[in-house]
Amino acid sequence: MNQSGKPQQTDQQRHQKEQPQSGGRNQNTVPALEVLRDRVVHAVEEITRLRSVNSELAARVGRLEKLHGVSAGASSFVIDEEPEILKEKITGYIQAIDAYLEEVDETQQEAE
């Protein structure tokens, strides 16, 4: 009995009251629940896959840091090009910057 003197309902009795009387299931609810279940299953599979990829990447980063003598969280600068190619690129960048600075300098002198 509850506080008002009426007998308490069991969970089963409450559940029976909540369900529609036509066969015990709402016809629109079942497909929606199946779609939701499929989406949850897909989400769990994707999370599992991403965790696996994350573990593989973390292991790879660890191996690379160890290989290059880099401590965790530190920045590193790795050059994958041949020294002559890199020197040509850097020289080109320097020339482009110099040309730009000369142009700016000339523009400022003309404005004065």
Protein backbone atom coordinates (compact mmCIF):
# COMPACT_ATOMS: atom_id res chain seq x y z
CA MET A 1 0.00 0.00 0.00
CA ASN A 2 1.16 3.52 -0.75
CA GLN A 3 0.69 6.65 1.38
CA SER A 4 -2.87 7.24 0.13
CA GLY A 5 -3.95 3.74 1.18
CA LYS A 6 -4.15 2.31 -2.35
CA PRO A 7 -2.27 -0.89 -3.24
CA GLN A 8 1.08 -0.25 -5.00
CA GLN A 9 1.38 -1.27 -8.63
CA THR A 10 4.15 -3.57 -9.72
CA ASP A 11 6.48 -2.55 -12.56
CA GLN A 12 4.72 -5.08 -14.80
CA GLN A 13 1.31 -3.53 -14.09
CA ARG A 14 2.63 -0.03 -14.83
CA HIS A 15 4.27 -1.25 -18.04
CA GLN A 16 1.03 -2.87 -19.20
CA LYS A 17 -0.85 0.40 -18.70
CA GLU A 18 1.73 2.33 -20.74
CA GLN A 19 1.57 0.03 -23.77
CA PRO A 20 -1.08 0.56 -26.46
CA GLN A 21 -3.85 -2.04 -26.47
CA SER A 22 -3.45 -2.98 -30.17
CA GLY A 23 -1.14 -5.98 -29.88
CA GLY A 24 0.95 -4.37 -27.15
CA ARG A 25 3.10 -2.32 -29.54
CA ASN A 26 2.70 0.95 -31.35
CA GLN A 27 3.17 0.20 -35.04
CA ASN A 28 5.23 3.38 -35.63
CA THR A 29 7.52 2.78 -32.66
CA VAL A 30 8.96 -0.55 -33.83
CA PRO A 31 10.56 0.70 -37.08
CA ALA A 32 11.86 3.81 -35.30
CA LEU A 33 13.44 1.67 -32.59
CA GLU A 34 14.98 -0.62 -35.20
CA VAL A 35 16.49 2.39 -36.97
CA LEU A 36 17.77 3.73 -33.67
CA ARG A 37 19.25 0.33 -32.76
CA ASP A 38 20.98 0.13 -36.15
CA ARG A 39 22.40 3.63 -35.69
CA VAL A 40 23.68 2.78 -32.21
CA VAL A 41 25.28 -0.43 -33.50
CA HIS A 42 26.92 1.52 -36.32
CA ALA A 43 28.15 4.20 -33.90
CA VAL A 44 29.66 1.56 -31.59
CA GLU A 45 31.40 -0.10 -34.54
CA GLU A 46 32.76 3.25 -35.72
CA ILE A 47 34.00 4.17 -32.23
CA THR A 48 35.71 0.79 -31.98
CA ARG A 49 37.34 1.29 -35.39
CA LEU A 50 38.50 4.80 -34.51
CA ARG A 51 39.95 3.63 -31.20
CA SER A 52 41.92 1.00 -33.08
CA VAL A 53 43.20 3.57 -35.58
CA ASN A 54 44.06 5.92 -32.72
CA SER A 55 46.06 3.19 -30.97
CA GLU A 56 47.93 2.42 -34.19
CA LEU A 57 48.72 6.10 -34.75
CA ALA A 58 49.85 6.58 -31.15
CA ALA A 59 52.19 3.61 -31.50
CA ARG A 60 53.51 4.98 -34.80
CA VAL A 61 54.13 8.42 -33.28
CA GLY A 62 55.93 6.76 -30.38
CA ARG A 63 58.18 4.82 -32.76
CA LEU A 64 58.93 7.95 -34.80
CA GLU A 65 59.72 9.99 -31.70
CA LYS A 66 62.03 7.25 -30.48
CA LEU A 67 63.68 6.95 -33.91
CA HIS A 68 64.36 10.70 -34.15
CA GLY A 69 65.21 11.16 -30.48
CA VAL A 70 62.28 13.48 -29.86
CA SER A 71 60.67 13.62 -26.46
CA ALA A 72 56.90 13.50 -26.18
CA GLY A 73 55.26 16.86 -26.83
CA ALA A 74 58.38 18.40 -28.35
CA SER A 75 58.42 19.92 -31.81
CA SER A 76 60.73 18.67 -34.48
CA PHE A 77 61.71 19.74 -37.95
CA VAL A 78 62.38 16.91 -40.39
CA ILE A 79 63.70 17.56 -43.88
CA ASP A 80 62.94 14.89 -46.43
CA GLU A 81 64.59 16.58 -49.42
CA GLU A 82 68.04 16.34 -50.87
CA PRO A 83 70.30 19.16 -49.63
CA GLU A 84 70.75 20.73 -53.12
CA ILE A 85 67.01 20.83 -53.79
CA LEU A 86 66.38 22.33 -50.36
CA LYS A 87 69.13 24.93 -50.91
CA GLU A 88 67.56 25.93 -54.26
CA LYS A 89 64.14 26.33 -52.66
CA ILE A 90 65.47 28.40 -49.78
CA THR A 91 67.47 30.58 -52.18
CA GLY A 92 64.30 31.11 -54.23
CA TYR A 93 62.37 32.12 -51.10
CA ILE A 94 65.10 34.57 -50.10
CA GLN A 95 65.12 36.13 -53.57
CA ALA A 96 61.33 36.48 -53.55
CA ILE A 97 61.43 38.15 -50.12
CA ASP A 98 64.24 40.48 -51.22
CA ALA A 99 62.30 41.48 -54.36
CA TYR A 100 59.19 42.17 -52.29
CA LEU A 101 61.12 44.26 -49.76
CA GLU A 102 62.75 46.29 -52.55
CA GLU A 103 59.34 46.94 -54.10
CA VAL A 104 57.91 48.06 -50.75
CA ASP A 105 60.96 50.27 -50.16
CA GLU A 106 60.56 51.92 -53.60
CA THR A 107 56.83 52.47 -53.01
CA GLN A 108 57.53 54.14 -49.67
CA GLN A 109 60.22 56.40 -51.18
CA GLU A 110 57.85 57.49 -53.97
CA ALA A 111 55.15 58.29 -51.43
CA GLU A 112 57.46 60.62 -49.50
